[in-house]
Amino acid sequence: MQKIVPLLGAAALGVLGQPAFGHHSLAMYDTSTQITVEAVIEEFEWRNPHSWLHIVVKDENGAESMWTLESNSTGQLTQAGWTRDSVKPGDAVTVVLNPLRDGTRGGRLEEVRHIDGRVFSRQGGGGYDPRTGELYSR
């Protein structure tokens, strides 16, 4: 009996010490649809577990509205070529996103295109190479 308790304790620590894998549903986004909007960056929240991009979009009548877009973690964005300075408040950009299914102003960020040709994709394939300091685009 005295040997079983330490073995059970070690087994429990082994199981509890494993990394936890969270699941984040994409059900709120229409991932079969991509829309493109012209926008001005209001704020970029470089944080984990998800970064957030807040943009101001003008409609056809010139009325401005705030949109909030969810993106990947800072680690995933870094691997895709992003830095915390890839977008800055006041930048005029074109944004590609998967819209929210409920029609509210927001979605899942896919890509940001700067007017100078830089492209930052959530999945990589364009952006800023932090190792060399070079800009590249698709």
Protein backbone atom coordinates (compact mmCIF):
# COMPACT_ATOMS: atom_id res chain seq x y z
CA MET A 1 0.00 0.00 0.00
CA GLN A 2 2.83 2.39 0.84
CA LYS A 3 4.30 1.94 -2.66
CA ILE A 4 0.96 2.44 -4.43
CA VAL A 5 0.36 5.98 -3.12
CA PRO A 6 3.64 7.40 -4.52
CA LEU A 7 3.05 5.58 -7.83
CA LEU A 8 -0.46 7.00 -8.12
CA GLY A 9 0.87 10.44 -7.24
CA ALA A 10 3.58 10.19 -9.91
CA ALA A 11 1.02 9.01 -12.47
CA ALA A 12 -1.30 11.91 -11.64
CA LEU A 13 1.55 14.40 -12.01
CA GLY A 14 2.46 12.83 -15.32
CA VAL A 15 -1.06 13.25 -16.65
CA LEU A 16 -1.56 16.74 -15.22
CA GLY A 17 1.86 17.86 -16.42
CA GLN A 18 0.94 17.36 -20.07
CA PRO A 19 0.17 20.48 -22.11
CA ALA A 20 -3.47 21.39 -22.39
CA PHE A 21 -4.81 21.87 -25.89
CA GLY A 22 -7.64 24.35 -26.11
CA HIS A 23 -10.19 24.45 -28.86
CA HIS A 24 -11.36 27.73 -30.26
CA SER A 25 -14.41 27.43 -32.45
CA LEU A 26 -14.69 29.32 -35.72
CA ALA A 27 -18.46 28.83 -35.79
CA MET A 28 -19.12 32.55 -35.35
CA TYR A 29 -17.29 33.35 -38.63
CA ASP A 30 -18.44 32.65 -42.16
CA THR A 31 -15.16 31.03 -43.23
CA SER A 32 -16.58 30.27 -46.69
CA THR A 33 -16.85 34.01 -47.39
CA GLN A 34 -14.11 36.62 -47.65
CA ILE A 35 -14.85 40.31 -47.89
CA THR A 36 -12.45 43.16 -48.57
CA VAL A 37 -12.78 46.58 -46.95
CA GLU A 38 -10.81 49.80 -47.12
CA ALA A 39 -10.00 50.90 -43.59
CA VAL A 40 -7.87 52.95 -41.23
CA ILE A 41 -6.16 51.19 -38.34
CA GLU A 42 -7.55 52.32 -34.99
CA GLU A 43 -5.64 49.90 -32.74
CA PHE A 44 -3.66 46.65 -32.96
CA GLU A 45 -3.70 44.53 -29.81
CA TRP A 46 -0.58 42.34 -30.01
CA ARG A 47 -1.48 39.77 -27.36
CA ASN A 48 -2.16 36.14 -26.58
CA PRO A 49 -4.06 33.98 -26.97
CA HIS A 50 -5.40 36.06 -29.90
CA SER A 51 -4.37 39.38 -31.36
CA TRP A 52 -7.09 41.88 -32.26
CA LEU A 53 -7.24 44.50 -34.99
CA HIS A 54 -9.63 47.43 -34.62
CA ILE A 55 -10.34 49.29 -37.84
CA VAL A 56 -12.54 52.18 -38.96
CA VAL A 57 -14.47 51.51 -42.15
CA LYS A 58 -16.44 54.09 -44.13
CA ASP A 59 -19.63 52.98 -45.83
CA GLU A 60 -20.84 54.21 -49.23
CA ASN A 61 -22.42 57.28 -47.55
CA GLY A 62 -19.20 58.20 -45.74
CA ALA A 63 -20.43 57.09 -42.30
CA GLU A 64 -17.65 55.57 -40.20
CA SER A 65 -18.02 52.40 -38.16
CA MET A 66 -15.63 50.46 -35.94
CA TRP A 67 -14.90 46.84 -36.82
CA THR A 68 -13.09 44.37 -34.56
CA LEU A 69 -11.16 41.51 -36.13
CA GLU A 70 -9.73 38.49 -34.37
CA SER A 71 -6.40 37.04 -35.43
CA ASN A 72 -3.80 34.51 -34.32
CA SER A 73 -1.48 34.49 -31.32
CA THR A 74 1.64 36.63 -31.33
CA GLY A 75 3.77 33.52 -31.87
CA GLN A 76 1.78 32.44 -34.92
CA LEU A 77 1.79 35.96 -36.34
CA THR A 78 5.55 36.26 -35.78
CA GLN A 79 6.05 33.03 -37.72
CA ALA A 80 3.89 34.51 -40.49
CA GLY A 81 6.17 37.58 -40.69
CA TRP A 82 4.33 40.03 -38.42
CA THR A 83 5.74 42.26 -35.70
CA ARG A 84 3.88 44.40 -33.19
CA ASP A 85 4.55 47.31 -35.58
CA SER A 86 3.24 45.68 -38.78
CA VAL A 87 0.18 47.91 -38.55
CA LYS A 88 -0.04 51.18 -36.67
CA PRO A 89 -2.88 53.52 -35.76
CA GLY A 90 -3.64 55.81 -38.68
CA ASP A 91 -2.40 53.40 -41.39
CA ALA A 92 -4.70 53.32 -44.42
CA VAL A 93 -5.03 49.68 -45.44
CA THR A 94 -7.10 47.15 -47.34
CA VAL A 95 -8.29 44.32 -45.11
CA VAL A 96 -9.50 40.87 -46.14
CA LEU A 97 -11.63 39.07 -43.55
CA ASN A 98 -14.15 36.34 -42.87
CA PRO A 99 -17.26 38.17 -41.65
CA LEU A 100 -19.24 37.36 -38.52
CA ARG A 101 -22.26 35.19 -39.28
CA ASP A 102 -24.61 37.45 -37.32
CA GLY A 103 -23.85 40.42 -39.59
CA THR A 104 -22.24 42.62 -36.94
CA ARG A 105 -19.15 44.62 -37.85
CA GLY A 106 -16.24 42.30 -37.33
CA GLY A 107 -14.72 39.03 -38.28
CA ARG A 108 -11.63 36.91 -38.55
CA LEU A 109 -8.63 38.69 -40.03
CA GLU A 110 -7.14 37.06 -43.12
CA GLU A 111 -4.87 39.72 -44.61
CA VAL A 112 -3.78 43.35 -44.36
CA ARG A 113 -2.49 45.15 -47.48
CA HIS A 114 -0.60 48.40 -47.08
CA ILE A 115 -0.63 51.03 -49.83
CA ASP A 116 3.16 50.60 -50.22
CA GLY A 117 2.66 46.98 -51.30
CA ARG A 118 3.42 45.21 -48.02
CA VAL A 119 1.06 42.33 -47.35
CA PHE A 120 0.60 40.69 -43.96
CA SER A 121 -1.38 37.48 -43.97
CA ARG A 122 -2.64 35.62 -40.94
CA GLN A 123 -1.27 32.45 -42.51
CA GLY A 124 2.05 33.90 -43.70
CA GLY A 125 3.33 34.27 -47.22
CA GLY A 126 3.92 37.99 -46.97
CA GLY A 127 5.18 40.53 -44.54
CA TYR A 128 8.30 41.60 -42.75
CA ASP A 129 11.20 39.24 -42.18
CA PRO A 130 12.42 40.02 -38.63
CA ARG A 131 15.70 38.16 -39.24
CA THR A 132 16.81 40.31 -42.18
CA GLY A 133 14.70 43.43 -41.81
CA GLU A 134 13.51 43.01 -45.41
CA LEU A 135 9.95 43.60 -46.57
CA TYR A 136 8.39 41.12 -48.92
CA SER A 137 4.95 40.60 -50.38
CA ARG A 138 3.13 37.94 -52.29
